Amino acid sequence: MSHVPADLKYTDEHEWIRTESGGVAAVGITHHAQKSLGDIVFFELPEVGRKVEAGDGVGTVESVKAVSEIFSPLDGEIVEVNQDVVEDPEGVNSEPYDAWLFKIKPSSGASSNGLLDARAYENLIGGE
């Protein structure tokens, strides 16, 4: 059974990206990342207004097993963070595709060429 929604883009670092109105992109962690980490207990998210480049570490996710870095999938500016996941990180365990972590406004000319579609991401994680 696939847990990879077809309407999202993905990174090889296990973040998902959903383009929203106005070109802003919501970013979260994938089911695969959540499953690998185990029970998530804490998020450290980037500050609103921070300018980032694709691949920059922008925060951390902490589980009972490990701490992992969260990376920006695009060049741009952080425009919003999801305080709900900071206050209730366990929600990501059950619904990782409903719980975005931060939103980024891509820089003009920022490319999403490095992002994976659902099929490519499924191939990356072995078709879970």
C-alpha atoms as a PDB file:
ATOM      1  CA  MET A   1       0.000   0.000   0.000  1.00  0.00           C
ATOM      2  CA  SER A   2       1.400   3.363  -0.991  1.00  0.00           C
ATOM      3  CA  HIS A   3       1.447   6.247   1.478  1.00  0.00           C
ATOM      4  CA  VAL A   4       2.706   8.725  -1.132  1.00  0.00           C
ATOM      5  CA  PRO A   5       0.063  11.240  -2.287  1.00  0.00           C
ATOM      6  CA  ALA A   6       0.346  11.836  -6.027  1.00  0.00           C
ATOM      7  CA  ASP A   7      -0.388  15.580  -5.840  1.00  0.00           C
ATOM      8  CA  LEU A   8       2.715  16.465  -3.806  1.00  0.00           C
ATOM      9  CA  LYS A   9       6.401  16.846  -4.635  1.00  0.00           C
ATOM     10  CA  TYR A  10       9.133  15.275  -2.507  1.00  0.00           C
ATOM     11  CA  THR A  11      12.783  15.630  -1.576  1.00  0.00           C
ATOM     12  CA  ASP A  12      15.265  12.817  -1.138  1.00  0.00           C
ATOM     13  CA  GLU A  13      15.514  14.023   2.484  1.00  0.00           C
ATOM     14  CA  HIS A  14      11.859  12.931   3.005  1.00  0.00           C
ATOM     15  CA  GLU A  15      10.080  16.263   3.011  1.00  0.00           C
ATOM     16  CA  TRP A  16       6.879  16.822   1.037  1.00  0.00           C
ATOM     17  CA  ILE A  17       5.956  20.063  -0.732  1.00  0.00           C
ATOM     18  CA  ARG A  18       2.476  21.305  -1.681  1.00  0.00           C
ATOM     19  CA  THR A  19       2.131  24.457  -3.772  1.00  0.00           C
ATOM     20  CA  GLU A  20      -0.689  26.646  -2.501  1.00  0.00           C
ATOM     21  CA  SER A  21      -2.389  29.816  -3.702  1.00  0.00           C
ATOM     22  CA  GLY A  22      -0.022  32.658  -4.464  1.00  0.00           C
ATOM     23  CA  GLY A  23       2.801  30.225  -5.167  1.00  0.00           C
ATOM     24  CA  VAL A  24       3.578  29.672  -1.476  1.00  0.00           C
ATOM     25  CA  ALA A  25       4.727  26.128  -0.721  1.00  0.00           C
ATOM     26  CA  ALA A  26       3.731  24.206   2.408  1.00  0.00           C
ATOM     27  CA  VAL A  27       6.411  21.761   3.618  1.00  0.00           C
ATOM     28  CA  GLY A  28       6.082  18.738   5.883  1.00  0.00           C
ATOM     29  CA  ILE A  29       7.712  15.376   6.513  1.00  0.00           C
ATOM     30  CA  THR A  30       6.635  12.231   4.724  1.00  0.00           C
ATOM     31  CA  HIS A  31       5.026   9.107   6.147  1.00  0.00           C
ATOM     32  CA  HIS A  32       8.312   7.313   5.480  1.00  0.00           C
ATOM     33  CA  ALA A  33      10.226   9.873   7.573  1.00  0.00           C
ATOM     34  CA  GLN A  34       7.680   9.714  10.378  1.00  0.00           C
ATOM     35  CA  LYS A  35       7.704   5.906  10.350  1.00  0.00           C
ATOM     36  CA  SER A  36      11.512   5.799  10.362  1.00  0.00           C
ATOM     37  CA  LEU A  37      11.749   8.248  13.245  1.00  0.00           C
ATOM     38  CA  GLY A  38       9.136   6.641  15.447  1.00  0.00           C
ATOM     39  CA  ASP A  39       7.038   8.687  17.868  1.00  0.00           C
ATOM     40  CA  ILE A  40       7.737  12.372  17.257  1.00  0.00           C
ATOM     41  CA  VAL A  41       7.976  14.427  20.441  1.00  0.00           C
ATOM     42  CA  PHE A  42       9.381  17.832  19.397  1.00  0.00           C
ATOM     43  CA  PHE A  43       9.820  20.177  16.415  1.00  0.00           C
ATOM     44  CA  GLU A  44      12.141  23.141  16.120  1.00  0.00           C
ATOM     45  CA  LEU A  45      10.964  25.190  13.151  1.00  0.00           C
ATOM     46  CA  PRO A  46      12.555  28.106  11.264  1.00  0.00           C
ATOM     47  CA  GLU A  47      11.825  31.731  12.056  1.00  0.00           C
ATOM     48  CA  VAL A  48       9.372  33.643   9.871  1.00  0.00           C
ATOM     49  CA  GLY A  49      11.264  36.020   7.613  1.00  0.00           C
ATOM     50  CA  ARG A  50      14.334  33.812   7.341  1.00  0.00           C
ATOM     51  CA  LYS A  51      15.776  33.639   3.825  1.00  0.00           C
ATOM     52  CA  VAL A  52      16.873  30.130   2.887  1.00  0.00           C
ATOM     53  CA  GLU A  53      18.364  28.224   0.007  1.00  0.00           C
ATOM     54  CA  ALA A  54      17.369  24.760  -1.134  1.00  0.00           C
ATOM     55  CA  GLY A  55      19.148  22.226   1.031  1.00  0.00           C
ATOM     56  CA  ASP A  56      19.636  24.545   4.015  1.00  0.00           C
ATOM     57  CA  GLY A  57      18.916  23.002   7.394  1.00  0.00           C
ATOM     58  CA  VAL A  58      15.942  24.961   8.746  1.00  0.00           C
ATOM     59  CA  GLY A  59      14.866  23.027  11.806  1.00  0.00           C
ATOM     60  CA  THR A  60      14.819  19.720  13.598  1.00  0.00           C
ATOM     61  CA  VAL A  61      12.405  16.945  14.382  1.00  0.00           C
ATOM     62  CA  GLU A  62      12.991  14.920  17.526  1.00  0.00           C
ATOM     63  CA  SER A  63      11.546  11.501  18.176  1.00  0.00           C
ATOM     64  CA  VAL A  64      11.965   8.952  20.914  1.00  0.00           C
ATOM     65  CA  LYS A  65      14.696   7.392  18.731  1.00  0.00           C
ATOM     66  CA  ALA A  66      16.601  10.239  17.094  1.00  0.00           C
ATOM     67  CA  VAL A  67      16.936  13.897  16.160  1.00  0.00           C
ATOM     68  CA  SER A  68      16.863  14.676  12.438  1.00  0.00           C
ATOM     69  CA  GLU A  69      17.382  17.865  10.517  1.00  0.00           C
ATOM     70  CA  ILE A  70      14.627  19.405   8.390  1.00  0.00           C
ATOM     71  CA  PHE A  71      15.817  20.925   5.116  1.00  0.00           C
ATOM     72  CA  SER A  72      14.372  23.612   2.882  1.00  0.00           C
ATOM     73  CA  PRO A  73      13.266  22.182  -0.464  1.00  0.00           C
ATOM     74  CA  LEU A  74      13.429  25.557  -2.239  1.00  0.00           C
ATOM     75  CA  ASP A  75      15.202  28.908  -2.281  1.00  0.00           C
ATOM     76  CA  GLY A  76      12.956  31.496  -0.679  1.00  0.00           C
ATOM     77  CA  GLU A  77      11.660  33.095   2.493  1.00  0.00           C
ATOM     78  CA  ILE A  78       9.899  31.412   5.401  1.00  0.00           C
ATOM     79  CA  VAL A  79       6.489  33.105   5.610  1.00  0.00           C
ATOM     80  CA  GLU A  80       4.662  30.990   8.193  1.00  0.00           C
ATOM     81  CA  VAL A  81       5.284  28.203  10.712  1.00  0.00           C
ATOM     82  CA  ASN A  82       2.684  25.793  12.042  1.00  0.00           C
ATOM     83  CA  GLN A  83       2.471  26.440  15.792  1.00  0.00           C
ATOM     84  CA  ASP A  84       0.029  23.528  16.115  1.00  0.00           C
ATOM     85  CA  VAL A  85       2.780  20.990  15.382  1.00  0.00           C
ATOM     86  CA  VAL A  86       5.114  22.749  17.819  1.00  0.00           C
ATOM     87  CA  GLU A  87       2.467  22.493  20.541  1.00  0.00           C
ATOM     88  CA  ASP A  88       1.213  19.018  19.537  1.00  0.00           C
ATOM     89  CA  PRO A  89       4.002  17.240  17.611  1.00  0.00           C
ATOM     90  CA  GLU A  90       2.348  13.835  18.072  1.00  0.00           C
ATOM     91  CA  GLY A  91      -0.270  14.781  15.456  1.00  0.00           C
ATOM     92  CA  VAL A  92       2.347  14.301  12.748  1.00  0.00           C
ATOM     93  CA  ASN A  93       2.643  10.636  13.746  1.00  0.00           C
ATOM     94  CA  SER A  94      -0.884   9.868  12.594  1.00  0.00           C
ATOM     95  CA  GLU A  95      -1.353  12.343   9.717  1.00  0.00           C
ATOM     96  CA  PRO A  96       2.030  13.410   8.303  1.00  0.00           C
ATOM     97  CA  TYR A  97       0.516  14.698   5.032  1.00  0.00           C
ATOM     98  CA  ASP A  98      -2.041  16.874   6.835  1.00  0.00           C
ATOM     99  CA  ALA A  99       0.481  18.503   9.161  1.00  0.00           C
ATOM    100  CA  TRP A 100       2.612  21.063   7.344  1.00  0.00           C
ATOM    101  CA  LEU A 101       5.578  22.418   9.281  1.00  0.00           C
ATOM    102  CA  PHE A 102       6.360  25.687   7.530  1.00  0.00           C
ATOM    103  CA  LYS A 103       5.462  27.649   4.423  1.00  0.00           C
ATOM    104  CA  ILE A 104       7.989  29.175   2.086  1.00  0.00           C
ATOM    105  CA  LYS A 105       7.576  31.824  -0.575  1.00  0.00           C
ATOM    106  CA  PRO A 106       9.955  30.742  -3.336  1.00  0.00           C
ATOM    107  CA  SER A 107      12.433  33.305  -4.628  1.00  0.00           C
ATOM    108  CA  SER A 108      11.741  34.523  -8.133  1.00  0.00           C
ATOM    109  CA  GLY A 109      13.380  32.040 -10.429  1.00  0.00           C
ATOM    110  CA  ALA A 110      13.589  29.378  -7.700  1.00  0.00           C
ATOM    111  CA  SER A 111      13.458  25.999  -9.345  1.00  0.00           C
ATOM    112  CA  SER A 112      11.620  22.911  -8.194  1.00  0.00           C
ATOM    113  CA  ASN A 113      13.499  20.791 -10.745  1.00  0.00           C
ATOM    114  CA  GLY A 114      15.299  18.882  -8.004  1.00  0.00           C
ATOM    115  CA  LEU A 115      12.040  17.723  -6.446  1.00  0.00           C
ATOM    116  CA  LEU A 116      10.667  14.234  -6.948  1.00  0.00           C
ATOM    117  CA  ASP A 117       7.181  13.300  -8.088  1.00  0.00           C
ATOM    118  CA  ALA A 118       5.274  10.587  -6.208  1.00  0.00           C
ATOM    119  CA  ARG A 119       6.516   7.773  -8.444  1.00  0.00           C
ATOM    120  CA  ALA A 120      10.167   8.808  -8.114  1.00  0.00           C
ATOM    121  CA  TYR A 121       9.777   9.143  -4.350  1.00  0.00           C
ATOM    122  CA  GLU A 122       8.167   5.691  -4.109  1.00  0.00           C
ATOM    123  CA  ASN A 123      11.153   4.300  -6.031  1.00  0.00           C
ATOM    124  CA  LEU A 124      13.510   6.068  -3.590  1.00  0.00           C
ATOM    125  CA  ILE A 125      11.876   4.500  -0.521  1.00  0.00           C
ATOM    126  CA  GLY A 126      11.342   1.103  -2.097  1.00  0.00           C
ATOM    127  CA  GLY A 127       7.623   1.343  -2.835  1.00  0.00           C
ATOM    128  CA  GLU A 128       6.385   1.292   0.760  1.00  0.00           C
END
